Amino acid sequence: MRLLAFDGRMGASGDMLLGALVAAGADPSVLSPVEDALDVTYRVHEVDKNGILATKVDVLLAEADGGEPRGEGHGDDHRRQPEPESGDGDDGGDSDDADGDDEDEHSNQHQYRHHDHAHDHAHSHDHAHSHDHDHSHDHDHSHDHTHAEGHGPHRTYPEVVDLVESMGLPAGVVEDATAIFRVLGEAEAEVHGTDLDATHFHEVGADDAIADVVGVCLLLEDLGVDRVVTGPVAVGGGETEMSHGTYPVPAPAVVNITAAAGWSVRGGPVEAELLTPTGAAILAHLAEGVESLPSMSVESSGYGAGGWDFSDRPNVLRAVVGDGGSRLVRDEITVLETNLDDATPEVLGGLQETLKDAGARDVTIVPTTMKKSRPGHLVKVVVRPEDAERVAYRLAVETGTLGIREHGAGHRWTARREFETATLDVDGDDYEVSVKVGSDADGVVYDRSAEYDDALAVANETGLPVREVMRRAVDAVASDDAE
């Protein structure tokens, strides 16, 4: 199984994801459909980030005849950009070295952007600024293009979908890109109290953000990975300025996106916005969460550069590609347990639901014998490490237990799980039953089981035995999968 693992301890943004994928081996030439559709160009070049050689990808406006950028001008930006620290910078982020090398000597002529990677706090702290030390040998300012940041109309979600579908992209790329924009659109709609179709994207509907999202999907397809994972992603700290005012980091849309993501976030490690809405949405759709780098045979790796410079840590996103080996998914866990000798049947019966609502992955209640030969129960709860304290507290207040043990189990191996719907014809009437399908990391199905509650409801209506309903549902799903 080909695996791609991100290390987001310094955040993630659209431009960092583009750079990391190119650095890890993706071919930037696959980005040409985006350039053709949006009149933008990508520039790929290398920069030094605290001694780490990282790849930057800038989205620039394509030049019309005469050297002027195409288009009617820039749309409103969602974030304020800092001023450049020296006269040779481009738009307030990254400056060029002045060693006079000709840009034609650089082999990668698909290029970089840094709008998406949070430059709002450039004036608020003296240890961080958005001024890279660019060693790409791409310095001839007579060849500079205009950054595409904020360029283009503020599109609605349906308009973005229409644009993506018009690019002539592979079906899988279209599916992933539109799903990512749905994540973004739903997050913004929730913030503003509107519905998805009526919400106008701000920065994420502009040309450069579309180039980020679609570009990542194209590069990911070129890498040919089967599974994408990410460790906990840093959000940063402090405040960020947007078109609606000043907000604490993470921004409201990022909070909404990460609430539904399959990975965890961490505050810090610096006072700057590290996780942007675009970066969060891309990872929310594509990546599973892990606590550490999975076991794998590394084939390639690379670093995508962000727009910040910090004195003590490189602002980069690492991507590692290789053979994931295991056919099951590694899930980082810990185990909570407590002994109960006075819990009522009603309390015990409700623990499954209440503890899972608090974040438990699995709950087991085992009858046991306690002191003075009294009957009791051992409650064992599987949780993610970051959810342990919250679930332990819920277990305590629900049962009245005075002590809860935690065992560092480390991890468990789990199957991929998804639900399919079986439609059963019984005496001319159709009934639906959900079937849980278990498969390994390569997608090989090895178990199907019908949901008991669904099967029971059908059995009660039809008079069929429950086990017969369950058998028919499994057979129906297996038959559909075989076609």
Protein backbone atom coordinates (compact mmCIF):
# COMPACT_ATOMS: atom_id res chain seq x y z
CA MET A 1 0.00 0.00 0.00
CA ARG A 2 1.45 3.36 -1.05
CA LEU A 3 1.18 5.80 1.85
CA LEU A 4 1.56 9.58 2.10
CA ALA A 5 2.13 11.00 5.60
CA PHE A 6 2.10 14.72 6.48
CA ASP A 7 3.81 16.22 9.51
CA GLY A 8 1.81 19.35 10.30
CA ARG A 9 3.49 20.48 13.50
CA MET A 10 4.05 23.90 11.84
CA GLY A 11 0.60 24.07 10.29
CA ALA A 12 -0.67 23.62 6.77
CA SER A 13 -1.90 25.83 3.94
CA GLY A 14 -2.65 25.42 0.27
CA ASP A 15 0.78 26.61 -0.81
CA MET A 16 2.59 24.44 1.73
CA LEU A 17 0.68 21.37 0.54
CA LEU A 18 1.55 22.12 -3.08
CA GLY A 19 5.23 22.54 -2.21
CA ALA A 20 5.37 19.40 -0.07
CA LEU A 21 3.82 17.23 -2.79
CA VAL A 22 6.18 18.54 -5.47
CA ALA A 23 9.16 18.08 -3.14
CA ALA A 24 8.03 14.51 -2.43
CA GLY A 25 8.11 13.62 -6.12
CA ALA A 26 4.90 14.84 -7.81
CA ASP A 27 5.37 16.23 -11.33
CA PRO A 28 4.36 19.93 -11.51
CA SER A 29 3.63 19.62 -15.23
CA VAL A 30 0.28 18.00 -14.32
CA LEU A 31 -0.86 21.45 -13.16
CA SER A 32 -1.23 22.75 -16.72
CA PRO A 33 -5.06 22.33 -16.92
CA VAL A 34 -5.40 24.84 -14.06
CA GLU A 35 -3.10 27.30 -15.79
CA ASP A 36 -5.13 27.01 -18.98
CA ALA A 37 -8.47 27.49 -17.24
CA LEU A 38 -7.56 30.37 -14.91
CA ASP A 39 -4.84 32.30 -16.75
CA VAL A 40 -2.44 31.71 -13.87
CA THR A 41 1.01 30.15 -13.76
CA TYR A 42 2.71 28.13 -11.03
CA ARG A 43 6.33 28.84 -10.14
CA VAL A 44 8.21 26.16 -8.23
CA HIS A 45 11.46 27.13 -6.55
CA GLU A 46 13.54 26.26 -3.51
CA VAL A 47 14.10 28.32 -0.37
CA ASP A 48 16.08 27.90 2.82
CA LYS A 49 13.99 27.60 5.98
CA ASN A 50 16.27 27.51 9.03
CA GLY A 51 18.66 25.21 7.21
CA ILE A 52 15.90 23.08 5.62
CA LEU A 53 15.77 23.14 1.82
CA ALA A 54 12.05 23.54 1.11
CA THR A 55 9.92 23.93 -2.01
CA LYS A 56 7.68 26.94 -2.59
CA VAL A 57 4.88 27.06 -5.13
CA ASP A 58 3.60 30.48 -6.07
CA VAL A 59 0.43 31.09 -8.08
CA LEU A 60 0.99 34.08 -10.35
CA LEU A 61 -1.15 35.84 -12.91
CA ALA A 62 -0.22 34.80 -16.42
CA GLU A 63 1.17 37.64 -18.53
CA ALA A 64 -0.62 38.88 -21.61
CA ASP A 65 1.27 40.29 -24.58
CA GLY A 66 3.34 43.26 -23.50
CA GLY A 67 4.19 41.80 -20.12
CA GLU A 68 1.03 43.00 -18.31
CA PRO A 69 -0.94 40.57 -16.13
CA ARG A 70 -4.18 39.29 -17.60
CA GLY A 71 -7.48 40.10 -15.94
CA GLU A 72 -9.24 43.20 -14.70
CA GLY A 73 -7.57 43.46 -11.33
CA HIS A 74 -7.63 41.85 -7.90
CA GLY A 75 -10.64 40.96 -5.86
CA ASP A 76 -10.86 41.91 -2.20
CA ASP A 77 -8.46 39.97 -0.05
CA HIS A 78 -9.74 38.18 3.02
CA ARG A 79 -6.55 38.87 4.94
CA ARG A 80 -4.22 41.84 5.30
CA GLN A 81 -0.73 41.22 3.95
CA PRO A 82 2.43 42.56 5.62
CA GLU A 83 4.70 45.04 3.98
CA PRO A 84 7.90 43.65 2.44
CA GLU A 85 10.96 44.00 4.58
CA SER A 86 13.15 45.10 1.70
CA GLY A 87 12.69 46.74 -1.67
CA ASP A 88 13.34 43.58 -3.63
CA GLY A 89 10.36 41.61 -2.19
CA ASP A 90 7.42 40.75 -4.39
CA ASP A 91 4.21 41.25 -2.40
CA GLY A 92 5.28 41.43 1.18
CA GLY A 93 6.26 37.83 1.76
CA ASP A 94 9.39 36.50 0.17
CA SER A 95 12.34 38.37 -1.28
CA ASP A 96 14.79 37.26 -3.95
CA ASP A 97 18.48 36.79 -3.45
CA ALA A 98 20.55 39.37 -5.28
CA ASP A 99 23.29 37.14 -6.58
CA GLY A 100 22.38 37.91 -10.18
CA ASP A 101 21.83 34.32 -11.37
CA ASP A 102 19.67 34.02 -14.45
CA GLU A 103 16.23 32.53 -13.74
CA ASP A 104 16.59 30.24 -16.78
CA GLU A 105 19.20 28.26 -14.85
CA HIS A 106 16.48 27.01 -12.52
CA SER A 107 14.96 23.79 -13.73
CA ASN A 108 11.51 24.12 -12.17
CA GLN A 109 9.58 26.86 -13.89
CA HIS A 110 6.22 26.13 -12.29
CA GLN A 111 6.09 28.65 -9.44
CA TYR A 112 4.83 29.60 -5.83
CA ARG A 113 2.25 31.57 -3.86
CA HIS A 114 2.00 32.49 -0.19
CA HIS A 115 -1.40 34.16 0.17
CA ASP A 116 -2.92 31.26 2.00
CA HIS A 117 -0.35 30.92 4.73
CA ALA A 118 -1.33 33.49 7.31
CA HIS A 119 0.74 36.66 7.20
CA ASP A 120 -1.63 38.65 9.36
CA HIS A 121 0.59 38.97 12.39
CA ALA A 122 3.77 40.06 10.68
CA HIS A 123 3.85 43.29 12.73
CA SER A 124 2.89 41.83 16.08
CA HIS A 125 6.04 40.00 17.12
CA ASP A 126 9.67 40.53 16.47
CA HIS A 127 10.69 36.89 16.22
CA ALA A 128 8.58 36.03 13.18
CA HIS A 129 8.16 37.61 9.79
CA SER A 130 7.11 36.55 6.34
CA HIS A 131 10.36 37.17 4.50
CA ASP A 132 11.98 34.06 3.08
CA HIS A 133 15.61 33.71 2.11
CA ASP A 134 15.05 32.58 -1.45
CA HIS A 135 17.87 30.57 -2.97
CA SER A 136 16.06 29.58 -6.14
CA HIS A 137 18.26 31.66 -8.47
CA ASP A 138 15.11 33.27 -9.81
CA HIS A 139 15.92 36.93 -9.36
CA ASP A 140 15.53 38.79 -12.63
CA HIS A 141 12.80 41.26 -11.69
CA SER A 142 12.13 42.05 -15.34
CA HIS A 143 10.52 38.60 -15.39
CA ASP A 144 8.42 39.05 -12.22
CA HIS A 145 4.73 38.23 -12.44
CA THR A 146 1.89 39.52 -10.27
CA HIS A 147 0.67 37.24 -7.52
CA ALA A 148 -2.82 35.90 -8.18
CA GLU A 149 -3.84 36.43 -4.58
CA GLY A 150 -7.50 37.40 -4.36
CA HIS A 151 -7.77 37.68 -8.15
CA GLY A 152 -11.06 36.80 -9.78
CA PRO A 153 -14.68 37.01 -8.61
CA HIS A 154 -15.98 35.89 -5.23
CA ARG A 155 -17.72 32.76 -6.43
CA THR A 156 -20.49 30.71 -4.84
CA TYR A 157 -20.05 26.99 -4.31
CA PRO A 158 -22.09 26.07 -7.46
CA GLU A 159 -19.95 28.50 -9.50
CA VAL A 160 -16.76 26.92 -8.19
CA VAL A 161 -18.07 23.44 -9.02
CA ASP A 162 -18.98 24.54 -12.57
CA LEU A 163 -15.50 25.99 -13.04
CA VAL A 164 -13.74 22.86 -11.76
CA GLU A 165 -15.90 20.58 -13.91
CA SER A 166 -15.09 22.67 -17.00
CA MET A 167 -11.32 22.05 -16.68
CA GLY A 168 -11.36 18.60 -18.25
CA LEU A 169 -9.80 16.95 -15.20
CA PRO A 170 -9.79 13.23 -14.27
CA ALA A 171 -13.00 12.19 -12.52
CA GLY A 172 -11.25 11.47 -9.23
CA VAL A 173 -9.64 14.92 -9.18
CA VAL A 174 -12.99 16.61 -9.83
CA GLU A 175 -14.60 14.58 -7.06
CA ASP A 176 -11.90 15.42 -4.51
CA ALA A 177 -11.68 19.12 -5.45
CA THR A 178 -15.43 19.73 -5.31
CA ALA A 179 -15.65 17.84 -2.01
CA ILE A 180 -12.93 20.09 -0.56
CA PHE A 181 -14.80 23.19 -1.67
CA ARG A 182 -17.97 21.77 -0.10
CA VAL A 183 -16.08 21.50 3.20
CA LEU A 184 -14.98 25.13 2.82
CA GLY A 185 -18.43 26.30 1.77
CA GLU A 186 -20.24 24.58 4.61
CA ALA A 187 -17.75 26.00 7.11
CA GLU A 188 -18.24 29.54 5.84
CA ALA A 189 -22.01 29.12 5.65
CA GLU A 190 -22.05 28.05 9.28
CA VAL A 191 -19.98 31.06 10.30
CA HIS A 192 -22.22 33.52 8.44
CA GLY A 193 -25.55 31.80 9.06
CA THR A 194 -26.30 31.21 5.39
CA ASP A 195 -26.82 28.14 3.23
CA LEU A 196 -24.15 26.54 1.04
CA ASP A 197 -25.42 27.61 -2.38
CA ALA A 198 -25.94 31.25 -1.33
CA THR A 199 -22.59 31.68 0.42
CA HIS A 200 -19.99 33.64 -1.54
CA PHE A 201 -16.48 32.42 -0.95
CA HIS A 202 -14.06 35.19 -0.18
CA GLU A 203 -10.39 34.28 -0.56
CA VAL A 204 -11.18 30.61 -1.08
CA GLY A 205 -13.25 31.33 -4.20
CA ALA A 206 -10.55 33.38 -5.88
CA ASP A 207 -8.33 32.06 -8.67
CA ASP A 208 -5.31 31.36 -6.50
CA ALA A 209 -7.28 29.33 -3.95
CA ILE A 210 -8.87 27.29 -6.73
CA ALA A 211 -5.38 26.75 -8.10
CA ASP A 212 -4.31 25.54 -4.64
CA VAL A 213 -7.14 23.05 -4.16
CA VAL A 214 -7.24 21.65 -7.69
CA GLY A 215 -3.44 21.67 -7.85
CA VAL A 216 -3.12 19.56 -4.69
CA CYS A 217 -5.63 17.04 -6.07
CA LEU A 218 -3.72 16.79 -9.37
CA LEU A 219 -0.36 16.35 -7.65
CA LEU A 220 -1.80 13.76 -5.29
CA GLU A 221 -3.15 11.74 -8.22
CA ASP A 222 0.27 11.94 -9.87
CA LEU A 223 1.90 10.48 -6.75
CA GLY A 224 -0.49 7.53 -6.92
CA VAL A 225 -0.91 7.07 -3.17
CA ASP A 226 -3.55 4.77 -1.67
CA ARG A 227 -3.82 6.39 1.74
CA VAL A 228 -3.11 9.84 3.20
CA VAL A 229 -2.53 10.44 6.91
CA THR A 230 -1.50 13.40 9.01
CA GLY A 231 -0.27 13.83 12.54
CA PRO A 232 -1.76 16.51 14.81
CA VAL A 233 -1.79 19.85 12.97
CA ALA A 234 -0.64 23.06 14.67
CA VAL A 235 -3.02 26.01 14.40
CA GLY A 236 -0.72 28.65 15.89
CA GLY A 237 -1.93 31.38 18.25
CA GLY A 238 -2.63 35.05 18.63
CA GLU A 239 -5.04 36.89 16.34
CA THR A 240 -5.68 37.17 12.62
CA GLU A 241 -7.28 39.97 10.61
CA MET A 242 -9.93 39.14 8.02
CA SER A 243 -12.40 41.19 6.02
CA HIS A 244 -14.91 40.88 8.87
CA GLY A 245 -12.53 42.02 11.60
CA THR A 246 -9.93 40.65 14.00
CA TYR A 247 -10.39 37.11 15.29
CA PRO A 248 -8.42 34.80 17.57
CA VAL A 249 -6.45 32.00 15.92
CA PRO A 250 -7.69 29.58 14.68
CA ALA A 251 -10.09 31.48 12.43
CA PRO A 252 -13.83 30.65 12.72
CA ALA A 253 -13.93 28.64 9.48
CA VAL A 254 -10.91 26.59 10.58
CA VAL A 255 -12.65 25.75 13.87
CA ASN A 256 -15.70 24.49 11.98
CA ILE A 257 -13.62 22.45 9.54
CA THR A 258 -11.45 20.78 12.16
CA ALA A 259 -14.46 19.88 14.30
CA ALA A 260 -15.46 17.34 11.65
CA ALA A 261 -11.95 16.29 10.60
CA GLY A 262 -10.49 12.87 11.34
CA TRP A 263 -7.33 14.33 12.87
CA SER A 264 -6.51 16.48 15.89
CA VAL A 265 -5.19 20.02 16.24
CA ARG A 266 -2.75 21.63 18.66
CA GLY A 267 -2.28 25.23 19.69
CA GLY A 268 1.01 27.02 19.10
CA PRO A 269 3.91 26.57 18.90
CA VAL A 270 4.13 30.26 17.86
CA GLU A 271 1.92 33.34 17.90
CA ALA A 272 0.92 33.28 14.23
CA GLU A 273 -1.81 31.76 12.09
CA LEU A 274 -0.41 28.42 10.93
CA LEU A 275 -3.49 26.52 9.74
CA THR A 276 -5.56 28.23 7.05
CA PRO A 277 -9.10 27.36 5.91
CA THR A 278 -7.83 26.01 2.59
CA GLY A 279 -5.18 23.84 4.22
CA ALA A 280 -7.65 22.60 6.83
CA ALA A 281 -10.29 21.70 4.22
CA ILE A 282 -7.82 19.83 2.00
CA LEU A 283 -6.59 17.73 4.91
CA ALA A 284 -10.10 17.25 6.32
CA HIS A 285 -11.21 15.62 3.08
CA LEU A 286 -8.06 13.70 2.18
CA ALA A 287 -6.31 12.66 5.40
CA GLU A 288 -6.84 10.31 8.32
CA GLY A 289 -5.44 11.26 11.70
CA VAL A 290 -2.49 9.49 13.33
CA GLU A 291 -0.47 10.38 16.41
CA SER A 292 2.91 9.52 14.89
CA LEU A 293 4.48 8.48 11.61
CA PRO A 294 3.10 5.03 10.67
CA SER A 295 5.40 2.10 9.98
CA MET A 296 6.53 2.42 6.37
CA SER A 297 9.42 1.94 3.97
CA VAL A 298 10.26 5.49 2.88
CA GLU A 299 10.56 6.07 -0.87
CA SER A 300 10.71 9.86 -0.95
CA SER A 301 10.14 12.91 1.22
CA GLY A 302 10.10 16.68 0.91
CA TYR A 303 9.24 19.95 2.60
CA GLY A 304 6.72 22.57 1.51
CA ALA A 305 7.64 26.11 2.59
CA GLY A 306 5.26 28.43 4.40
CA GLY A 307 5.37 32.21 4.37
CA TRP A 308 6.64 32.74 7.90
CA ASP A 309 10.24 32.85 9.13
CA PHE A 310 10.87 32.06 12.78
CA SER A 311 14.18 32.30 14.60
CA ASP A 312 14.02 28.87 16.22
CA ARG A 313 12.02 26.56 13.91
CA PRO A 314 11.48 26.08 10.17
CA ASN A 315 8.02 26.96 8.85
CA VAL A 316 7.62 23.87 6.67
CA LEU A 317 5.17 21.02 6.04
CA ARG A 318 6.84 17.62 5.60
CA ALA A 319 5.49 14.94 3.28
CA VAL A 320 6.78 11.36 3.40
CA VAL A 321 5.84 8.79 0.72
CA GLY A 322 6.44 5.06 0.93
CA ASP A 323 5.12 1.54 1.33
CA GLY A 324 2.74 1.45 4.30
CA GLY A 325 3.14 -2.29 4.66
CA SER A 326 0.29 -3.16 7.00
CA ARG A 327 -3.09 -4.06 5.57
CA LEU A 328 -4.90 -2.71 8.63
CA VAL A 329 -5.13 0.86 9.86
CA ARG A 330 -3.08 1.81 12.92
CA ASP A 331 -5.19 3.78 15.39
CA GLU A 332 -3.48 5.44 18.38
CA ILE A 333 -5.42 4.69 21.58
CA THR A 334 -5.33 4.46 25.35
CA VAL A 335 -7.60 2.38 27.62
CA LEU A 336 -9.58 3.58 30.65
CA GLU A 337 -11.05 1.18 33.19
CA THR A 338 -12.84 1.22 36.51
CA ASN A 339 -14.55 -1.29 38.86
CA LEU A 340 -18.16 -0.66 39.88
CA ASP A 341 -20.01 -2.44 42.70
CA ASP A 342 -23.08 -0.24 43.07
CA ALA A 343 -24.09 0.80 39.54
CA THR A 344 -27.72 0.21 38.58
CA PRO A 345 -28.64 -1.72 35.42
CA GLU A 346 -30.09 1.49 33.96
CA VAL A 347 -26.78 3.36 34.38
CA LEU A 348 -24.77 0.49 32.94
CA GLY A 349 -27.17 0.18 30.01
CA GLY A 350 -26.70 3.82 29.08
CA LEU A 351 -22.89 3.91 29.30
CA GLN A 352 -22.34 2.82 25.69
CA GLU A 353 -24.19 5.83 24.33
CA THR A 354 -23.09 8.46 26.85
CA LEU A 355 -19.40 7.56 26.71
CA LYS A 356 -19.35 7.36 22.90
CA ASP A 357 -20.96 10.80 22.80
CA ALA A 358 -18.00 12.00 24.89
CA GLY A 359 -15.48 10.52 22.45
CA ALA A 360 -15.07 6.84 23.41
CA ARG A 361 -14.17 4.51 20.55
CA ASP A 362 -15.43 1.35 22.28
CA VAL A 363 -17.02 0.47 25.62
CA THR A 364 -17.01 -3.00 27.24
CA ILE A 365 -18.74 -3.96 30.52
CA VAL A 366 -17.67 -7.26 32.08
CA PRO A 367 -19.36 -8.89 35.12
CA THR A 368 -16.85 -9.62 37.86
CA THR A 369 -16.55 -10.43 41.57
CA MET A 370 -15.24 -7.72 43.88
CA LYS A 371 -14.28 -7.45 47.54
CA LYS A 372 -16.37 -9.35 50.08
CA SER A 373 -17.48 -11.55 47.15
CA ARG A 374 -19.86 -8.86 45.94
CA PRO A 375 -20.93 -8.90 42.28
CA GLY A 376 -19.67 -5.95 40.26
CA HIS A 377 -18.68 -4.82 36.82
CA LEU A 378 -15.40 -3.93 35.11
CA VAL A 379 -15.86 -1.08 32.62
CA LYS A 380 -13.18 -0.82 29.91
CA VAL A 381 -13.18 2.14 27.54
CA VAL A 382 -11.01 2.56 24.41
CA VAL A 383 -10.28 6.23 23.59
CA ARG A 384 -7.90 8.37 21.61
CA PRO A 385 -5.21 9.81 23.89
CA GLU A 386 -6.43 13.38 23.38
CA ASP A 387 -9.97 12.37 24.47
CA ALA A 388 -8.95 10.43 27.59
CA GLU A 389 -9.51 13.15 30.21
CA ARG A 390 -12.90 14.16 28.82
CA VAL A 391 -14.17 10.56 28.63
CA ALA A 392 -12.77 9.75 32.09
CA TYR A 393 -14.68 12.68 33.58
CA ARG A 394 -17.89 11.58 31.86
CA LEU A 395 -17.38 8.03 33.18
CA ALA A 396 -16.90 9.39 36.70
CA VAL A 397 -19.99 11.60 36.79
CA GLU A 398 -22.20 8.98 35.14
CA THR A 399 -21.25 6.13 37.49
CA GLY A 400 -20.02 7.84 40.65
CA THR A 401 -16.72 5.94 40.55
CA LEU A 402 -13.95 7.51 42.60
CA GLY A 403 -11.03 6.28 40.51
CA ILE A 404 -10.27 5.48 36.88
CA ARG A 405 -7.13 3.71 35.67
CA GLU A 406 -5.46 4.50 32.34
CA HIS A 407 -3.40 1.92 30.45
CA GLY A 408 -1.21 3.19 27.64
CA ALA A 409 -2.13 0.56 25.07
CA GLY A 410 -0.33 2.51 22.34
CA HIS A 411 -2.41 1.58 19.33
CA ARG A 412 -4.85 -0.87 17.83
CA TRP A 413 -5.17 -2.26 14.31
CA THR A 414 -8.53 -1.60 12.70
CA ALA A 415 -10.27 -2.34 9.44
CA ARG A 416 -11.61 0.34 7.15
CA ARG A 417 -15.34 0.57 7.74
CA GLU A 418 -18.10 1.95 5.57
CA PHE A 419 -21.84 1.46 5.32
CA GLU A 420 -23.76 0.34 2.26
CA THR A 421 -27.52 0.19 1.91
CA ALA A 422 -29.20 -3.06 0.85
CA THR A 423 -32.67 -2.84 -0.69
CA LEU A 424 -34.77 -5.96 -0.04
CA ASP A 425 -37.87 -6.90 -1.98
CA VAL A 426 -40.36 -8.67 0.31
CA ASP A 427 -43.75 -9.49 -1.26
CA GLY A 428 -43.41 -6.59 -3.70
CA ASP A 429 -42.41 -3.98 -1.11
CA ASP A 430 -38.90 -2.52 -0.78
CA TYR A 431 -37.11 -2.30 2.57
CA GLU A 432 -33.68 -0.82 3.31
CA VAL A 433 -31.08 -2.30 5.65
CA SER A 434 -27.63 -0.80 6.37
CA VAL A 435 -24.70 -3.18 6.03
CA LYS A 436 -21.30 -2.50 7.60
CA VAL A 437 -18.47 -3.43 5.23
CA GLY A 438 -15.01 -4.13 6.66
CA SER A 439 -11.96 -3.99 4.39
CA ASP A 440 -8.20 -3.81 4.68
CA ALA A 441 -6.09 -0.81 3.70
CA ASP A 442 -5.91 -2.08 0.12
CA GLY A 443 -9.70 -2.11 -0.13
CA VAL A 444 -10.07 -5.90 0.03
CA VAL A 445 -13.42 -6.66 1.72
CA TYR A 446 -13.28 -9.44 4.32
CA ASP A 447 -16.45 -8.88 6.35
CA ARG A 448 -20.03 -7.72 5.87
CA SER A 449 -22.57 -7.50 8.67
CA ALA A 450 -26.12 -6.15 8.59
CA GLU A 451 -27.14 -3.60 11.21
CA TYR A 452 -29.35 -5.41 13.71
CA ASP A 453 -31.74 -2.53 14.43
CA ASP A 454 -32.50 -2.07 10.71
CA ALA A 455 -33.00 -5.82 10.25
CA LEU A 456 -35.26 -6.00 13.32
CA ALA A 457 -37.49 -3.21 11.98
CA VAL A 458 -37.86 -5.04 8.65
CA ALA A 459 -38.53 -8.34 10.43
CA ASN A 460 -41.28 -6.76 12.51
CA GLU A 461 -42.97 -5.38 9.38
CA THR A 462 -42.62 -8.48 7.21
CA GLY A 463 -42.79 -11.37 9.66
CA LEU A 464 -39.45 -12.73 8.45
CA PRO A 465 -36.93 -13.94 11.03
CA VAL A 466 -34.30 -11.34 11.88
CA ARG A 467 -31.45 -13.59 10.85
CA GLU A 468 -33.08 -14.15 7.44
CA VAL A 469 -33.36 -10.38 6.89
CA MET A 470 -29.70 -9.99 7.87
CA ARG A 471 -28.63 -12.78 5.51
CA ARG A 472 -30.53 -11.28 2.57
CA ALA A 473 -29.08 -7.84 3.24
CA VAL A 474 -25.49 -9.14 3.29
CA ASP A 475 -26.08 -11.17 0.13
CA ALA A 476 -27.53 -8.13 -1.65
CA VAL A 477 -24.55 -5.93 -0.81
CA ALA A 478 -22.07 -8.66 -1.77
CA SER A 479 -23.85 -9.11 -5.11
CA ASP A 480 -23.74 -5.35 -5.81
CA ASP A 481 -20.01 -5.17 -4.93
CA ALA A 482 -19.24 -8.08 -7.27
CA GLU A 483 -20.81 -6.33 -10.29
